[in-house]
Amino acid sequence: MSPVTYYFIAALLSLANAACWALNLFTLPGNWLIVLTTALFAWLVRSDAGHGVSWWTVAALAIAAALGELLEFVSGARAVAKQRAARRSVVLAMAGAMAGSLCGASLGSIVPILGTILGAVFGGAFGAAAGAYLGEHT
């Protein structure tokens, strides 16, 4: 593989991983998509000549993503237990966060980049709060 082709594909990987990372704003599984795109890169671009990504790196990314999921789950469960929230409100809050962030990003897309990000964050927060409220008071 020529160096130009390699660096072009590596730049595409960087852009794809940045886009996947941004999906976390929409409460979508961006970390796991980073693992997937990096695994695809490791499979397509061999690391024999010192270039590319090794499978050890892909494994480290998968472990980091799993630890992130575990940390998110444990911190959320502890916060819910501390507040004595009902399970229904937790499920509705998660669904509301996803729906709210997608709607907020769509509505905020009128203003490029910043509007989408702020719309996703505030829409997700509003959706989570609305879902939790509905779960506790209905």
C-alpha atoms as a PDB file:
ATOM      1  CA  MET A   1       0.000   0.000   0.000  1.00  0.00           C
ATOM      2  CA  SER A   2       1.356   3.388  -0.932  1.00  0.00           C
ATOM      3  CA  PRO A   3       1.954   5.947   1.821  1.00  0.00           C
ATOM      4  CA  VAL A   4      -0.567   8.330   0.256  1.00  0.00           C
ATOM      5  CA  THR A   5      -3.289   5.682   0.342  1.00  0.00           C
ATOM      6  CA  TYR A   6      -2.408   4.709   3.897  1.00  0.00           C
ATOM      7  CA  TYR A   7      -2.555   8.274   5.208  1.00  0.00           C
ATOM      8  CA  PHE A   8      -5.772   8.943   3.308  1.00  0.00           C
ATOM      9  CA  ILE A   9      -7.431   5.912   4.920  1.00  0.00           C
ATOM     10  CA  ALA A  10      -5.984   6.875   8.320  1.00  0.00           C
ATOM     11  CA  ALA A  11      -7.440  10.380   7.938  1.00  0.00           C
ATOM     12  CA  LEU A  12     -10.819   8.844   7.076  1.00  0.00           C
ATOM     13  CA  LEU A  13     -10.558   6.705  10.216  1.00  0.00           C
ATOM     14  CA  SER A  14      -9.869   9.808  12.301  1.00  0.00           C
ATOM     15  CA  LEU A  15     -12.868  11.624  10.820  1.00  0.00           C
ATOM     16  CA  ALA A  16     -15.116   8.586  11.259  1.00  0.00           C
ATOM     17  CA  ASN A  17     -14.027   8.162  14.880  1.00  0.00           C
ATOM     18  CA  ALA A  18     -14.624  11.863  15.569  1.00  0.00           C
ATOM     19  CA  ALA A  19     -18.133  11.517  14.136  1.00  0.00           C
ATOM     20  CA  CYS A  20     -18.714   8.391  16.233  1.00  0.00           C
ATOM     21  CA  TRP A  21     -17.502  10.208  19.322  1.00  0.00           C
ATOM     22  CA  ALA A  22     -19.982  13.009  18.598  1.00  0.00           C
ATOM     23  CA  LEU A  23     -22.790  10.428  18.579  1.00  0.00           C
ATOM     24  CA  ASN A  24     -22.357  10.209  22.346  1.00  0.00           C
ATOM     25  CA  LEU A  25     -24.070  13.608  22.492  1.00  0.00           C
ATOM     26  CA  PHE A  26     -27.180  11.872  21.144  1.00  0.00           C
ATOM     27  CA  THR A  27     -26.888   9.067  23.717  1.00  0.00           C
ATOM     28  CA  LEU A  28     -26.018   6.692  20.881  1.00  0.00           C
ATOM     29  CA  PRO A  29     -23.274   4.035  21.131  1.00  0.00           C
ATOM     30  CA  GLY A  30     -20.451   6.124  19.691  1.00  0.00           C
ATOM     31  CA  ASN A  31     -17.730   4.399  21.714  1.00  0.00           C
ATOM     32  CA  TRP A  32     -18.665   1.000  20.312  1.00  0.00           C
ATOM     33  CA  LEU A  33     -18.729   2.389  16.787  1.00  0.00           C
ATOM     34  CA  ILE A  34     -15.189   3.679  17.362  1.00  0.00           C
ATOM     35  CA  VAL A  35     -14.169   0.135  18.281  1.00  0.00           C
ATOM     36  CA  LEU A  36     -15.917  -1.158  15.148  1.00  0.00           C
ATOM     37  CA  THR A  37     -14.327   1.357  12.754  1.00  0.00           C
ATOM     38  CA  THR A  38     -10.890   0.822  14.271  1.00  0.00           C
ATOM     39  CA  ALA A  39     -11.308  -2.952  13.975  1.00  0.00           C
ATOM     40  CA  LEU A  40     -12.261  -2.498  10.327  1.00  0.00           C
ATOM     41  CA  PHE A  41      -9.132  -0.389   9.807  1.00  0.00           C
ATOM     42  CA  ALA A  42      -6.984  -3.019  11.555  1.00  0.00           C
ATOM     43  CA  TRP A  43      -8.441  -5.701   9.309  1.00  0.00           C
ATOM     44  CA  LEU A  44      -8.036  -3.733   6.070  1.00  0.00           C
ATOM     45  CA  VAL A  45      -4.626  -2.185   6.777  1.00  0.00           C
ATOM     46  CA  ARG A  46      -2.072  -4.730   7.912  1.00  0.00           C
ATOM     47  CA  SER A  47       0.403  -3.651  10.566  1.00  0.00           C
ATOM     48  CA  ASP A  48       3.244  -5.789   9.169  1.00  0.00           C
ATOM     49  CA  ALA A  49       5.312  -2.824   8.014  1.00  0.00           C
ATOM     50  CA  GLY A  50       4.866  -0.865  11.230  1.00  0.00           C
ATOM     51  CA  HIS A  51       1.836   0.989   9.896  1.00  0.00           C
ATOM     52  CA  GLY A  52      -1.746   0.390  10.799  1.00  0.00           C
ATOM     53  CA  VAL A  53      -3.450  -0.513  14.035  1.00  0.00           C
ATOM     54  CA  SER A  54      -2.709  -3.727  15.876  1.00  0.00           C
ATOM     55  CA  TRP A  55      -5.381  -6.015  17.258  1.00  0.00           C
ATOM     56  CA  TRP A  56      -3.997  -5.239  20.718  1.00  0.00           C
ATOM     57  CA  THR A  57      -5.050  -1.638  20.170  1.00  0.00           C
ATOM     58  CA  VAL A  58      -8.531  -2.749  19.131  1.00  0.00           C
ATOM     59  CA  ALA A  59      -8.736  -4.928  22.251  1.00  0.00           C
ATOM     60  CA  ALA A  60      -7.639  -1.988  24.420  1.00  0.00           C
ATOM     61  CA  LEU A  61     -10.340   0.185  22.832  1.00  0.00           C
ATOM     62  CA  ALA A  62     -12.954  -2.500  23.488  1.00  0.00           C
ATOM     63  CA  ILE A  63     -11.874  -2.765  27.127  1.00  0.00           C
ATOM     64  CA  ALA A  64     -11.989   1.025  27.502  1.00  0.00           C
ATOM     65  CA  ALA A  65     -15.483   1.123  25.969  1.00  0.00           C
ATOM     66  CA  ALA A  66     -16.670  -1.671  28.273  1.00  0.00           C
ATOM     67  CA  LEU A  67     -15.224   0.095  31.322  1.00  0.00           C
ATOM     68  CA  GLY A  68     -16.945   3.300  30.239  1.00  0.00           C
ATOM     69  CA  GLU A  69     -20.277   1.485  29.976  1.00  0.00           C
ATOM     70  CA  LEU A  70     -19.757  -0.103  33.386  1.00  0.00           C
ATOM     71  CA  LEU A  71     -18.866   3.240  34.962  1.00  0.00           C
ATOM     72  CA  GLU A  72     -21.897   4.895  33.394  1.00  0.00           C
ATOM     73  CA  PHE A  73     -24.185   2.093  34.585  1.00  0.00           C
ATOM     74  CA  VAL A  74     -22.836   2.045  38.139  1.00  0.00           C
ATOM     75  CA  SER A  75     -22.944   5.818  38.547  1.00  0.00           C
ATOM     76  CA  GLY A  76     -26.475   5.961  37.156  1.00  0.00           C
ATOM     77  CA  ALA A  77     -27.646   3.096  39.359  1.00  0.00           C
ATOM     78  CA  ARG A  78     -26.147   4.684  42.463  1.00  0.00           C
ATOM     79  CA  ALA A  79     -27.758   8.026  41.705  1.00  0.00           C
ATOM     80  CA  VAL A  80     -31.130   6.377  41.089  1.00  0.00           C
ATOM     81  CA  ALA A  81     -30.889   4.302  44.266  1.00  0.00           C
ATOM     82  CA  LYS A  82     -29.917   7.368  46.265  1.00  0.00           C
ATOM     83  CA  GLN A  83     -32.980   9.246  45.030  1.00  0.00           C
ATOM     84  CA  ARG A  84     -35.261   6.182  45.382  1.00  0.00           C
ATOM     85  CA  ALA A  85     -36.540   6.512  41.838  1.00  0.00           C
ATOM     86  CA  ALA A  86     -38.939   4.009  40.303  1.00  0.00           C
ATOM     87  CA  ARG A  87     -37.671   1.735  37.541  1.00  0.00           C
ATOM     88  CA  ARG A  88     -40.337   3.061  35.215  1.00  0.00           C
ATOM     89  CA  SER A  89     -39.014   6.592  35.599  1.00  0.00           C
ATOM     90  CA  VAL A  90     -35.475   5.419  34.818  1.00  0.00           C
ATOM     91  CA  VAL A  91     -36.600   3.716  31.597  1.00  0.00           C
ATOM     92  CA  LEU A  92     -38.678   6.715  30.551  1.00  0.00           C
ATOM     93  CA  ALA A  93     -35.804   9.072  31.377  1.00  0.00           C
ATOM     94  CA  MET A  94     -33.437   7.083  29.147  1.00  0.00           C
ATOM     95  CA  ALA A  95     -35.963   7.000  26.301  1.00  0.00           C
ATOM     96  CA  GLY A  96     -36.680  10.688  26.794  1.00  0.00           C
ATOM     97  CA  ALA A  97     -32.977  11.534  26.695  1.00  0.00           C
ATOM     98  CA  MET A  98     -32.550   9.741  23.374  1.00  0.00           C
ATOM     99  CA  ALA A  99     -35.666  11.224  21.808  1.00  0.00           C
ATOM    100  CA  GLY A 100     -34.964  14.681  23.212  1.00  0.00           C
ATOM    101  CA  SER A 101     -31.383  14.771  21.992  1.00  0.00           C
ATOM    102  CA  LEU A 102     -32.381  13.690  18.488  1.00  0.00           C
ATOM    103  CA  CYS A 103     -35.223  16.227  18.344  1.00  0.00           C
ATOM    104  CA  GLY A 104     -33.053  18.953  19.839  1.00  0.00           C
ATOM    105  CA  ALA A 105     -30.273  18.280  17.355  1.00  0.00           C
ATOM    106  CA  SER A 106     -32.756  18.355  14.487  1.00  0.00           C
ATOM    107  CA  LEU A 107     -34.285  21.621  15.622  1.00  0.00           C
ATOM    108  CA  GLY A 108     -30.886  23.108  16.420  1.00  0.00           C
ATOM    109  CA  SER A 109     -29.489  22.218  13.013  1.00  0.00           C
ATOM    110  CA  ILE A 110     -30.730  25.575  11.759  1.00  0.00           C
ATOM    111  CA  VAL A 111     -27.596  27.018  13.366  1.00  0.00           C
ATOM    112  CA  PRO A 112     -24.630  25.021  12.009  1.00  0.00           C
ATOM    113  CA  ILE A 113     -22.444  23.004  14.396  1.00  0.00           C
ATOM    114  CA  LEU A 114     -23.085  24.869  17.651  1.00  0.00           C
ATOM    115  CA  GLY A 115     -26.868  24.752  17.302  1.00  0.00           C
ATOM    116  CA  THR A 116     -26.830  21.017  16.723  1.00  0.00           C
ATOM    117  CA  ILE A 117     -24.606  20.360  19.728  1.00  0.00           C
ATOM    118  CA  LEU A 118     -26.528  22.643  22.070  1.00  0.00           C
ATOM    119  CA  GLY A 119     -29.839  21.316  20.771  1.00  0.00           C
ATOM    120  CA  ALA A 120     -28.732  17.750  21.456  1.00  0.00           C
ATOM    121  CA  VAL A 121     -27.510  18.538  24.965  1.00  0.00           C
ATOM    122  CA  PHE A 122     -30.489  20.620  26.062  1.00  0.00           C
ATOM    123  CA  GLY A 123     -32.991  18.424  24.224  1.00  0.00           C
ATOM    124  CA  GLY A 124     -31.543  15.349  25.914  1.00  0.00           C
ATOM    125  CA  ALA A 125     -31.676  17.019  29.309  1.00  0.00           C
ATOM    126  CA  PHE A 126     -35.280  18.097  28.770  1.00  0.00           C
ATOM    127  CA  GLY A 127     -36.263  14.647  27.488  1.00  0.00           C
ATOM    128  CA  ALA A 128     -34.637  12.906  30.449  1.00  0.00           C
ATOM    129  CA  ALA A 129     -36.322  15.236  32.922  1.00  0.00           C
ATOM    130  CA  ALA A 130     -39.696  14.834  31.214  1.00  0.00           C
ATOM    131  CA  GLY A 131     -39.358  11.042  31.155  1.00  0.00           C
ATOM    132  CA  ALA A 132     -38.385  10.905  34.819  1.00  0.00           C
ATOM    133  CA  TYR A 133     -41.282  13.179  35.745  1.00  0.00           C
ATOM    134  CA  LEU A 134     -43.764  11.064  33.798  1.00  0.00           C
ATOM    135  CA  GLY A 135     -42.400   7.902  35.376  1.00  0.00           C
ATOM    136  CA  GLU A 136     -42.786   9.222  38.897  1.00  0.00           C
ATOM    137  CA  HIS A 137     -46.072  11.104  38.576  1.00  0.00           C
ATOM    138  CA  THR A 138     -48.253   8.969  36.307  1.00  0.00           C
END
